[in-house]
């Protein structure tokens, strides 16, 4: 059986993954395999910096990415890049679209 804390953590992660923009941010970081500046992510997604930053904060709270302060800039990295790929692969398997 899972504890209330474990379920709460899982819920936070699944909620964070339940948005197309956030998934695209994670996949972009997975594909590049290097830290990216939030401005570059926003430009790539054709979104405003502030909107991307709000999504990034949700992903950070779920511990799916990290924000590093580099001077006055914010750079993103993934603590578990393979985990993101596993989530995507599992969703393909569940939907039968492999």
PDB file of N, CA and C in Angstrom:
ATOM      1  N   UNK A   1       0.842  -1.185   0.000  1.00  0.00           N
ATOM      2  CA  UNK A   1       0.000   0.000   0.000  1.00  0.00           C
ATOM      3  C   UNK A   1       0.889   1.250   0.000  1.00  0.00           C
ATOM      4  N   UNK A   2       0.393   2.303  -0.582  1.00  0.00           N
ATOM      5  CA  UNK A   2       1.130   3.557  -0.654  1.00  0.00           C
ATOM      6  C   UNK A   2       0.650   4.509   0.441  1.00  0.00           C
ATOM      7  N   UNK A   3       1.596   5.264   0.980  1.00  0.00           N
ATOM      8  CA  UNK A   3       1.242   6.240   2.019  1.00  0.00           C
ATOM      9  C   UNK A   3       0.590   7.460   1.369  1.00  0.00           C
ATOM     10  N   UNK A   4      -0.050   8.268   2.191  1.00  0.00           N
ATOM     11  CA  UNK A   4      -0.660   9.505   1.703  1.00  0.00           C
ATOM     12  C   UNK A   4       0.394  10.415   1.080  1.00  0.00           C
ATOM     13  N   UNK A   5       1.579  10.473   1.683  1.00  0.00           N
ATOM     14  CA  UNK A   5       2.661  11.307   1.158  1.00  0.00           C
ATOM     15  C   UNK A   5       3.115  10.816  -0.221  1.00  0.00           C
ATOM     16  N   UNK A   6       3.254   9.507  -0.375  1.00  0.00           N
ATOM     17  CA  UNK A   6       3.656   8.950  -1.670  1.00  0.00           C
ATOM     18  C   UNK A   6       2.615   9.243  -2.752  1.00  0.00           C
ATOM     19  N   UNK A   7       1.354   9.110  -2.394  1.00  0.00           N
ATOM     20  CA  UNK A   7       0.287   9.416  -3.355  1.00  0.00           C
ATOM     21  C   UNK A   7       0.255  10.896  -3.702  1.00  0.00           C
ATOM     22  N   UNK A   8       0.481  11.738  -2.714  1.00  0.00           N
ATOM     23  CA  UNK A   8       0.508  13.180  -2.944  1.00  0.00           C
ATOM     24  C   UNK A   8       1.647  13.561  -3.892  1.00  0.00           C
ATOM     25  N   UNK A   9       2.807  12.954  -3.673  1.00  0.00           N
ATOM     26  CA  UNK A   9       3.958  13.210  -4.550  1.00  0.00           C
ATOM     27  C   UNK A   9       3.670  12.742  -5.968  1.00  0.00           C
ATOM     28  N   UNK A  10       3.096  11.564  -6.099  1.00  0.00           N
ATOM     29  CA  UNK A  10       2.751  11.040  -7.422  1.00  0.00           C
ATOM     30  C   UNK A  10       1.743  11.939  -8.120  1.00  0.00           C
ATOM     31  N   UNK A  11       0.761  12.412  -7.385  1.00  0.00           N
ATOM     32  CA  UNK A  11      -0.238  13.300  -7.955  1.00  0.00           C
ATOM     33  C   UNK A  11       0.392  14.588  -8.474  1.00  0.00           C
ATOM     34  N   UNK A  12       1.326  15.147  -7.713  1.00  0.00           N
ATOM     35  CA  UNK A  12       2.007  16.366  -8.136  1.00  0.00           C
ATOM     36  C   UNK A  12       2.773  16.128  -9.444  1.00  0.00           C
ATOM     37  N   UNK A  13       3.443  14.993  -9.543  1.00  0.00           N
ATOM     38  CA  UNK A  13       4.210  14.667 -10.749  1.00  0.00           C
ATOM     39  C   UNK A  13       3.274  14.481 -11.935  1.00  0.00           C
ATOM     40  N   UNK A  14       2.218  13.703 -11.760  1.00  0.00           N
ATOM     41  CA  UNK A  14       1.289  13.467 -12.867  1.00  0.00           C
ATOM     42  C   UNK A  14       0.574  14.750 -13.292  1.00  0.00           C
ATOM     43  N   UNK A  15       0.247  15.612 -12.343  1.00  0.00           N
ATOM     44  CA  UNK A  15      -0.345  16.908 -12.697  1.00  0.00           C
ATOM     45  C   UNK A  15       0.635  17.755 -13.500  1.00  0.00           C
ATOM     46  N   UNK A  16       1.892  17.734 -13.106  1.00  0.00           N
ATOM     47  CA  UNK A  16       2.915  18.494 -13.836  1.00  0.00           C
ATOM     48  C   UNK A  16       3.075  17.970 -15.257  1.00  0.00           C
ATOM     49  N   UNK A  17       2.956  16.668 -15.431  1.00  0.00           N
ATOM     50  CA  UNK A  17       3.097  16.062 -16.753  1.00  0.00           C
ATOM     51  C   UNK A  17       1.837  16.216 -17.607  1.00  0.00           C
ATOM     52  N   UNK A  18       0.749  16.651 -17.006  1.00  0.00           N
ATOM     53  CA  UNK A  18      -0.525  16.720 -17.698  1.00  0.00           C
ATOM     54  C   UNK A  18      -0.750  17.983 -18.493  1.00  0.00           C
ATOM     55  N   UNK A  19       0.300  18.558 -19.042  1.00  0.00           N
ATOM     56  CA  UNK A  19       0.182  19.782 -19.824  1.00  0.00           C
ATOM     57  C   UNK A  19       1.138  19.694 -21.001  1.00  0.00           C
ATOM     58  N   UNK A  20       0.646  20.008 -22.194  1.00  0.00           N
ATOM     59  CA  UNK A  20       1.459  19.873 -23.397  1.00  0.00           C
ATOM     60  C   UNK A  20       2.715  20.747 -23.361  1.00  0.00           C
ATOM     61  N   UNK A  21       2.594  21.982 -22.906  1.00  0.00           N
ATOM     62  CA  UNK A  21       3.762  22.876 -22.861  1.00  0.00           C
ATOM     63  C   UNK A  21       4.821  22.304 -21.925  1.00  0.00           C
ATOM     64  N   UNK A  22       4.413  21.822 -20.765  1.00  0.00           N
ATOM     65  CA  UNK A  22       5.386  21.261 -19.831  1.00  0.00           C
ATOM     66  C   UNK A  22       6.042  20.009 -20.390  1.00  0.00           C
ATOM     67  N   UNK A  23       5.266  19.174 -21.065  1.00  0.00           N
ATOM     68  CA  UNK A  23       5.869  17.992 -21.701  1.00  0.00           C
ATOM     69  C   UNK A  23       6.871  18.404 -22.775  1.00  0.00           C
ATOM     70  N   UNK A  24       6.531  19.414 -23.542  1.00  0.00           N
ATOM     71  CA  UNK A  24       7.457  19.887 -24.585  1.00  0.00           C
ATOM     72  C   UNK A  24       8.752  20.436 -23.979  1.00  0.00           C
ATOM     73  N   UNK A  25       8.643  21.124 -22.860  1.00  0.00           N
ATOM     74  CA  UNK A  25       9.835  21.632 -22.170  1.00  0.00           C
ATOM     75  C   UNK A  25      10.721  20.461 -21.751  1.00  0.00           C
ATOM     76  N   UNK A  26      10.124  19.463 -21.137  1.00  0.00           N
ATOM     77  CA  UNK A  26      10.896  18.298 -20.684  1.00  0.00           C
ATOM     78  C   UNK A  26      11.528  17.556 -21.861  1.00  0.00           C
ATOM     79  N   UNK A  27      10.770  17.379 -22.928  1.00  0.00           N
ATOM     80  CA  UNK A  27      11.313  16.676 -24.092  1.00  0.00           C
ATOM     81  C   UNK A  27      12.428  17.468 -24.763  1.00  0.00           C
ATOM     82  N   UNK A  28      12.280  18.789 -24.791  1.00  0.00           N
ATOM     83  CA  UNK A  28      13.340  19.631 -25.353  1.00  0.00           C
ATOM     84  C   UNK A  28      14.635  19.453 -24.564  1.00  0.00           C
ATOM     85  N   UNK A  29      14.516  19.447 -23.250  1.00  0.00           N
ATOM     86  CA  UNK A  29      15.698  19.252 -22.410  1.00  0.00           C
ATOM     87  C   UNK A  29      16.271  17.844 -22.562  1.00  0.00           C
ATOM     88  N   UNK A  30      15.400  16.872 -22.737  1.00  0.00           N
ATOM     89  CA  UNK A  30      15.857  15.497 -22.930  1.00  0.00           C
ATOM     90  C   UNK A  30      16.590  15.357 -24.255  1.00  0.00           C
ATOM     91  N   UNK A  31      16.045  15.970 -25.297  1.00  0.00           N
ATOM     92  CA  UNK A  31      16.643  15.861 -26.629  1.00  0.00           C
ATOM     93  C   UNK A  31      17.994  16.556 -26.727  1.00  0.00           C
ATOM     94  N   UNK A  32      18.141  17.703 -26.070  1.00  0.00           N
ATOM     95  CA  UNK A  32      19.404  18.438 -26.170  1.00  0.00           C
ATOM     96  C   UNK A  32      20.493  17.852 -25.282  1.00  0.00           C
ATOM     97  N   UNK A  33      20.073  17.203 -24.205  1.00  0.00           N
ATOM     98  CA  UNK A  33      21.011  16.587 -23.244  1.00  0.00           C
ATOM     99  C   UNK A  33      21.985  17.595 -22.630  1.00  0.00           C
ATOM    100  N   UNK A  34      21.588  18.847 -22.624  1.00  0.00           N
ATOM    101  CA  UNK A  34      22.412  19.868 -21.976  1.00  0.00           C
ATOM    102  C   UNK A  34      21.481  20.917 -21.378  1.00  0.00           C
ATOM    103  N   UNK A  35      21.956  21.664 -20.412  1.00  0.00           N
ATOM    104  CA  UNK A  35      21.109  22.713 -19.831  1.00  0.00           C
ATOM    105  C   UNK A  35      20.727  23.753 -20.884  1.00  0.00           C
ATOM    106  N   UNK A  36      19.539  24.299 -20.745  1.00  0.00           N
ATOM    107  CA  UNK A  36      19.055  25.333 -21.660  1.00  0.00           C
ATOM    108  C   UNK A  36      18.584  26.544 -20.876  1.00  0.00           C
ATOM    109  N   UNK A  37      18.810  27.701 -21.448  1.00  0.00           N
ATOM    110  CA  UNK A  37      18.335  28.951 -20.874  1.00  0.00           C
ATOM    111  C   UNK A  37      16.822  29.029 -21.075  1.00  0.00           C
ATOM    112  N   UNK A  38      16.100  29.534 -20.099  1.00  0.00           N
ATOM    113  CA  UNK A  38      14.647  29.633 -20.201  1.00  0.00           C
ATOM    114  C   UNK A  38      14.249  30.474 -21.408  1.00  0.00           C
ATOM    115  N   UNK A  39      15.003  31.526 -21.712  1.00  0.00           N
ATOM    116  CA  UNK A  39      14.676  32.362 -22.878  1.00  0.00           C
ATOM    117  C   UNK A  39      14.729  31.545 -24.163  1.00  0.00           C
ATOM    118  N   UNK A  40      15.704  30.649 -24.283  1.00  0.00           N
ATOM    119  CA  UNK A  40      15.822  29.810 -25.475  1.00  0.00           C
ATOM    120  C   UNK A  40      14.634  28.847 -25.565  1.00  0.00           C
ATOM    121  N   UNK A  41      14.220  28.318 -24.429  1.00  0.00           N
ATOM    122  CA  UNK A  41      13.068  27.421 -24.399  1.00  0.00           C
ATOM    123  C   UNK A  41      11.815  28.182 -24.835  1.00  0.00           C
ATOM    124  N   UNK A  42      11.630  29.389 -24.305  1.00  0.00           N
ATOM    125  CA  UNK A  42      10.463  30.204 -24.658  1.00  0.00           C
ATOM    126  C   UNK A  42      10.460  30.526 -26.151  1.00  0.00           C
ATOM    127  N   UNK A  43      11.606  30.889 -26.695  1.00  0.00           N
ATOM    128  CA  UNK A  43      11.688  31.192 -28.126  1.00  0.00           C
ATOM    129  C   UNK A  43      11.361  29.964 -28.963  1.00  0.00           C
ATOM    130  N   UNK A  44      11.896  28.823 -28.582  1.00  0.00           N
ATOM    131  CA  UNK A  44      11.659  27.588 -29.312  1.00  0.00           C
ATOM    132  C   UNK A  44      10.177  27.210 -29.304  1.00  0.00           C
ATOM    133  N   UNK A  45       9.524  27.429 -28.184  1.00  0.00           N
ATOM    134  CA  UNK A  45       8.105  27.114 -28.052  1.00  0.00           C
ATOM    135  C   UNK A  45       7.192  28.222 -28.580  1.00  0.00           C
ATOM    136  N   UNK A  46       7.805  29.358 -28.940  1.00  0.00           N
ATOM    137  CA  UNK A  46       7.052  30.531 -29.392  1.00  0.00           C
ATOM    138  C   UNK A  46       6.036  30.983 -28.333  1.00  0.00           C
ATOM    139  N   UNK A  47       6.530  31.031 -27.103  1.00  0.00           N
ATOM    140  CA  UNK A  47       5.719  31.445 -25.956  1.00  0.00           C
ATOM    141  C   UNK A  47       6.427  32.590 -25.239  1.00  0.00           C
ATOM    142  N   UNK A  48       5.662  33.341 -24.469  1.00  0.00           N
ATOM    143  CA  UNK A  48       6.229  34.407 -23.656  1.00  0.00           C
ATOM    144  C   UNK A  48       7.078  33.806 -22.534  1.00  0.00           C
ATOM    145  N   UNK A  49       8.153  34.503 -22.189  1.00  0.00           N
ATOM    146  CA  UNK A  49       9.046  34.057 -21.117  1.00  0.00           C
ATOM    147  C   UNK A  49       8.268  33.819 -19.831  1.00  0.00           C
ATOM    148  N   UNK A  50       7.383  34.746 -19.472  1.00  0.00           N
ATOM    149  CA  UNK A  50       6.659  34.630 -18.199  1.00  0.00           C
ATOM    150  C   UNK A  50       5.776  33.392 -18.171  1.00  0.00           C
ATOM    151  N   UNK A  51       5.156  33.048 -19.286  1.00  0.00           N
ATOM    152  CA  UNK A  51       4.311  31.848 -19.335  1.00  0.00           C
ATOM    153  C   UNK A  51       5.165  30.592 -19.184  1.00  0.00           C
ATOM    154  N   UNK A  52       6.292  30.560 -19.866  1.00  0.00           N
ATOM    155  CA  UNK A  52       7.192  29.404 -19.770  1.00  0.00           C
ATOM    156  C   UNK A  52       7.743  29.299 -18.354  1.00  0.00           C
ATOM    157  N   UNK A  53       8.071  30.417 -17.757  1.00  0.00           N
ATOM    158  CA  UNK A  53       8.604  30.400 -16.389  1.00  0.00           C
ATOM    159  C   UNK A  53       7.590  29.803 -15.410  1.00  0.00           C
ATOM    160  N   UNK A  54       6.309  30.119 -15.578  1.00  0.00           N
ATOM    161  CA  UNK A  54       5.277  29.539 -14.698  1.00  0.00           C
ATOM    162  C   UNK A  54       5.231  28.015 -14.857  1.00  0.00           C
ATOM    163  N   UNK A  55       5.330  27.542 -16.089  1.00  0.00           N
ATOM    164  CA  UNK A  55       5.354  26.095 -16.325  1.00  0.00           C
ATOM    165  C   UNK A  55       6.604  25.465 -15.710  1.00  0.00           C
ATOM    166  N   UNK A  56       7.719  26.139 -15.848  1.00  0.00           N
ATOM    167  CA  UNK A  56       8.988  25.643 -15.308  1.00  0.00           C
ATOM    168  C   UNK A  56       8.910  25.519 -13.789  1.00  0.00           C
ATOM    169  N   UNK A  57       8.285  26.479 -13.130  1.00  0.00           N
ATOM    170  CA  UNK A  57       8.154  26.423 -11.671  1.00  0.00           C
ATOM    171  C   UNK A  57       7.312  25.214 -11.236  1.00  0.00           C
ATOM    172  N   UNK A  58       6.284  24.880 -11.998  1.00  0.00           N
ATOM    173  CA  UNK A  58       5.469  23.699 -11.687  1.00  0.00           C
ATOM    174  C   UNK A  58       6.319  22.439 -11.824  1.00  0.00           C
ATOM    175  N   UNK A  59       7.112  22.378 -12.884  1.00  0.00           N
ATOM    176  CA  UNK A  59       7.994  21.220 -13.095  1.00  0.00           C
ATOM    177  C   UNK A  59       9.063  21.141 -12.009  1.00  0.00           C
ATOM    178  N   UNK A  60       9.546  22.290 -11.566  1.00  0.00           N
ATOM    179  CA  UNK A  60      10.553  22.311 -10.503  1.00  0.00           C
ATOM    180  C   UNK A  60       9.951  21.813  -9.190  1.00  0.00           C
ATOM    181  N   UNK A  61       8.744  22.260  -8.862  1.00  0.00           N
ATOM    182  CA  UNK A  61       8.081  21.801  -7.625  1.00  0.00           C
ATOM    183  C   UNK A  61       7.864  20.288  -7.644  1.00  0.00           C
ATOM    184  N   UNK A  62       7.629  19.742  -8.829  1.00  0.00           N
ATOM    185  CA  UNK A  62       7.447  18.294  -8.964  1.00  0.00           C
ATOM    186  C   UNK A  62       8.786  17.568  -9.055  1.00  0.00           C
ATOM    187  N   UNK A  63       9.882  18.319  -8.976  1.00  0.00           N
ATOM    188  CA  UNK A  63      11.251  17.798  -9.017  1.00  0.00           C
ATOM    189  C   UNK A  63      11.581  17.103 -10.339  1.00  0.00           C
ATOM    190  N   UNK A  64      10.931  17.554 -11.412  1.00  0.00           N
ATOM    191  CA  UNK A  64      11.196  16.997 -12.735  1.00  0.00           C
ATOM    192  C   UNK A  64      12.276  17.768 -13.488  1.00  0.00           C
ATOM    193  N   UNK A  65      12.573  18.976 -13.026  1.00  0.00           N
ATOM    194  CA  UNK A  65      13.698  19.726 -13.581  1.00  0.00           C
ATOM    195  C   UNK A  65      14.287  20.619 -12.507  1.00  0.00           C
ATOM    196  N   UNK A  66      15.449  21.160 -12.815  1.00  0.00           N
ATOM    197  CA  UNK A  66      16.134  22.070 -11.884  1.00  0.00           C
ATOM    198  C   UNK A  66      16.372  23.396 -12.565  1.00  0.00           C
ATOM    199  N   UNK A  67      16.305  24.466 -11.779  1.00  0.00           N
ATOM    200  CA  UNK A  67      16.616  25.808 -12.263  1.00  0.00           C
ATOM    201  C   UNK A  67      17.919  26.227 -11.605  1.00  0.00           C
ATOM    202  N   UNK A  68      18.874  26.622 -12.427  1.00  0.00           N
ATOM    203  CA  UNK A  68      20.166  27.086 -11.933  1.00  0.00           C
ATOM    204  C   UNK A  68      20.293  28.575 -12.243  1.00  0.00           C
ATOM    205  N   UNK A  69      20.671  29.335 -11.249  1.00  0.00           N
ATOM    206  CA  UNK A  69      20.925  30.760 -11.443  1.00  0.00           C
ATOM    207  C   UNK A  69      22.352  30.923 -11.953  1.00  0.00           C
ATOM    208  N   UNK A  70      22.486  31.501 -13.128  1.00  0.00           N
ATOM    209  CA  UNK A  70      23.805  31.768 -13.709  1.00  0.00           C
ATOM    210  C   UNK A  70      23.856  33.269 -13.951  1.00  0.00           C
ATOM    211  N   UNK A  71      24.449  33.980 -12.997  1.00  0.00           N
ATOM    212  CA  UNK A  71      24.389  35.438 -13.056  1.00  0.00           C
ATOM    213  C   UNK A  71      22.943  35.865 -12.897  1.00  0.00           C
ATOM    214  N   UNK A  72      22.461  36.619 -13.878  1.00  0.00           N
ATOM    215  CA  UNK A  72      21.059  37.043 -13.855  1.00  0.00           C
ATOM    216  C   UNK A  72      20.181  36.131 -14.707  1.00  0.00           C
ATOM    217  N   UNK A  73      20.766  35.094 -15.247  1.00  0.00           N
ATOM    218  CA  UNK A  73      20.041  34.175 -16.114  1.00  0.00           C
ATOM    219  C   UNK A  73      19.586  32.935 -15.349  1.00  0.00           C
ATOM    220  N   UNK A  74      18.577  32.290 -15.906  1.00  0.00           N
ATOM    221  CA  UNK A  74      18.094  31.025 -15.348  1.00  0.00           C
ATOM    222  C   UNK A  74      18.252  29.941 -16.408  1.00  0.00           C
ATOM    223  N   UNK A  75      18.913  28.860 -16.001  1.00  0.00           N
ATOM    224  CA  UNK A  75      19.196  27.749 -16.899  1.00  0.00           C
ATOM    225  C   UNK A  75      18.510  26.507 -16.341  1.00  0.00           C
ATOM    226  N   UNK A  76      17.965  25.696 -17.237  1.00  0.00           N
ATOM    227  CA  UNK A  76      17.217  24.508 -16.854  1.00  0.00           C
ATOM    228  C   UNK A  76      18.010  23.245 -17.134  1.00  0.00           C
ATOM    229  N   UNK A  77      17.880  22.274 -16.243  1.00  0.00           N
ATOM    230  CA  UNK A  77      18.486  20.964 -16.473  1.00  0.00           C
ATOM    231  C   UNK A  77      17.558  19.892 -15.917  1.00  0.00           C
ATOM    232  N   UNK A  78      17.762  18.676 -16.384  1.00  0.00           N
ATOM    233  CA  UNK A  78      16.953  17.545 -15.932  1.00  0.00           C
ATOM    234  C   UNK A  78      17.744  16.685 -14.958  1.00  0.00           C
ATOM    235  N   UNK A  79      17.198  16.425 -13.781  1.00  0.00           N
ATOM    236  CA  UNK A  79      17.887  15.527 -12.856  1.00  0.00           C
ATOM    237  C   UNK A  79      17.740  14.062 -13.281  1.00  0.00           C
ATOM    238  N   UNK A  80      16.661  13.733 -14.006  1.00  0.00           N
ATOM    239  CA  UNK A  80      16.374  12.342 -14.394  1.00  0.00           C
ATOM    240  C   UNK A  80      15.942  12.271 -15.862  1.00  0.00           C
ATOM    241  N   UNK A  81      16.863  12.503 -16.795  1.00  0.00           N
ATOM    242  CA  UNK A  81      16.452  12.522 -18.210  1.00  0.00           C
ATOM    243  C   UNK A  81      15.850  11.202 -18.690  1.00  0.00           C
ATOM    244  N   UNK A  82      16.347  10.083 -18.205  1.00  0.00           N
ATOM    245  CA  UNK A  82      15.820   8.789 -18.636  1.00  0.00           C
ATOM    246  C   UNK A  82      14.387   8.584 -18.149  1.00  0.00           C
ATOM    247  N   UNK A  83      14.055   9.163 -17.009  1.00  0.00           N
ATOM    248  CA  UNK A  83      12.712   9.026 -16.457  1.00  0.00           C
ATOM    249  C   UNK A  83      11.672   9.656 -17.387  1.00  0.00           C
ATOM    250  N   UNK A  84      12.013  10.774 -17.987  1.00  0.00           N
ATOM    251  CA  UNK A  84      11.091  11.446 -18.905  1.00  0.00           C
ATOM    252  C   UNK A  84      10.809  10.542 -20.097  1.00  0.00           C
ATOM    253  N   UNK A  85      11.854   9.949 -20.653  1.00  0.00           N
ATOM    254  CA  UNK A  85      11.686   9.018 -21.777  1.00  0.00           C
ATOM    255  C   UNK A  85      10.828   7.826 -21.360  1.00  0.00           C
ATOM    256  N   UNK A  86      11.019   7.335 -20.141  1.00  0.00           N
ATOM    257  CA  UNK A  86      10.229   6.203 -19.661  1.00  0.00           C
ATOM    258  C   UNK A  86       8.749   6.572 -19.542  1.00  0.00           C
ATOM    259  N   UNK A  87       8.454   7.787 -19.065  1.00  0.00           N
ATOM    260  CA  UNK A  87       7.068   8.249 -18.994  1.00  0.00           C
ATOM    261  C   UNK A  87       6.429   8.264 -20.381  1.00  0.00           C
ATOM    262  N   UNK A  88       7.141   8.811 -21.354  1.00  0.00           N
ATOM    263  CA  UNK A  88       6.616   8.894 -22.720  1.00  0.00           C
ATOM    264  C   UNK A  88       6.422   7.493 -23.290  1.00  0.00           C
ATOM    265  N   UNK A  89       7.425   6.640 -23.118  1.00  0.00           N
ATOM    266  CA  UNK A  89       7.315   5.271 -23.626  1.00  0.00           C
ATOM    267  C   UNK A  89       6.153   4.519 -22.966  1.00  0.00           C
ATOM    268  N   UNK A  90       5.979   4.715 -21.669  1.00  0.00           N
ATOM    269  CA  UNK A  90       4.878   4.046 -20.961  1.00  0.00           C
ATOM    270  C   UNK A  90       3.529   4.539 -21.479  1.00  0.00           C
ATOM    271  N   UNK A  91       3.432   5.830 -21.772  1.00  0.00           N
ATOM    272  CA  UNK A  91       2.158   6.355 -22.282  1.00  0.00           C
ATOM    273  C   UNK A  91       1.862   5.795 -23.666  1.00  0.00           C
ATOM    274  N   UNK A  92       2.891   5.588 -24.470  1.00  0.00           N
ATOM    275  CA  UNK A  92       2.690   4.958 -25.789  1.00  0.00           C
ATOM    276  C   UNK A  92       2.185   3.531 -25.618  1.00  0.00           C
ATOM    277  N   UNK A  93       2.777   2.845 -24.673  1.00  0.00           N
ATOM    278  CA  UNK A  93       2.402   1.448 -24.430  1.00  0.00           C
ATOM    279  C   UNK A  93       0.939   1.362 -23.973  1.00  0.00           C
ATOM    280  N   UNK A  94       0.558   2.239 -23.068  1.00  0.00           N
ATOM    281  CA  UNK A  94      -0.811   2.239 -22.544  1.00  0.00           C
ATOM    282  C   UNK A  94      -1.809   2.550 -23.662  1.00  0.00           C
ATOM    283  N   UNK A  95      -1.450   3.502 -24.524  1.00  0.00           N
ATOM    284  CA  UNK A  95      -2.376   3.882 -25.601  1.00  0.00           C
ATOM    285  C   UNK A  95      -2.301   2.943 -26.789  1.00  0.00           C
ATOM    286  N   UNK A  96      -1.329   2.034 -26.789  1.00  0.00           N
ATOM    287  CA  UNK A  96      -1.195   1.079 -27.880  1.00  0.00           C
ATOM    288  C   UNK A  96      -0.585   1.667 -29.133  1.00  0.00           C
ATOM    289  N   UNK A  97       0.133   2.780 -29.008  1.00  0.00           N
ATOM    290  CA  UNK A  97       0.711   3.467 -30.174  1.00  0.00           C
ATOM    291  C   UNK A  97       2.230   3.408 -30.148  1.00  0.00           C
ATOM    292  N   UNK A  98       2.775   2.233 -30.190  1.00  0.00           N
ATOM    293  CA  UNK A  98       4.228   2.087 -30.195  1.00  0.00           C
ATOM    294  C   UNK A  98       4.741   2.058 -31.597  1.00  0.00           C
TER     295      UNK A  98
END
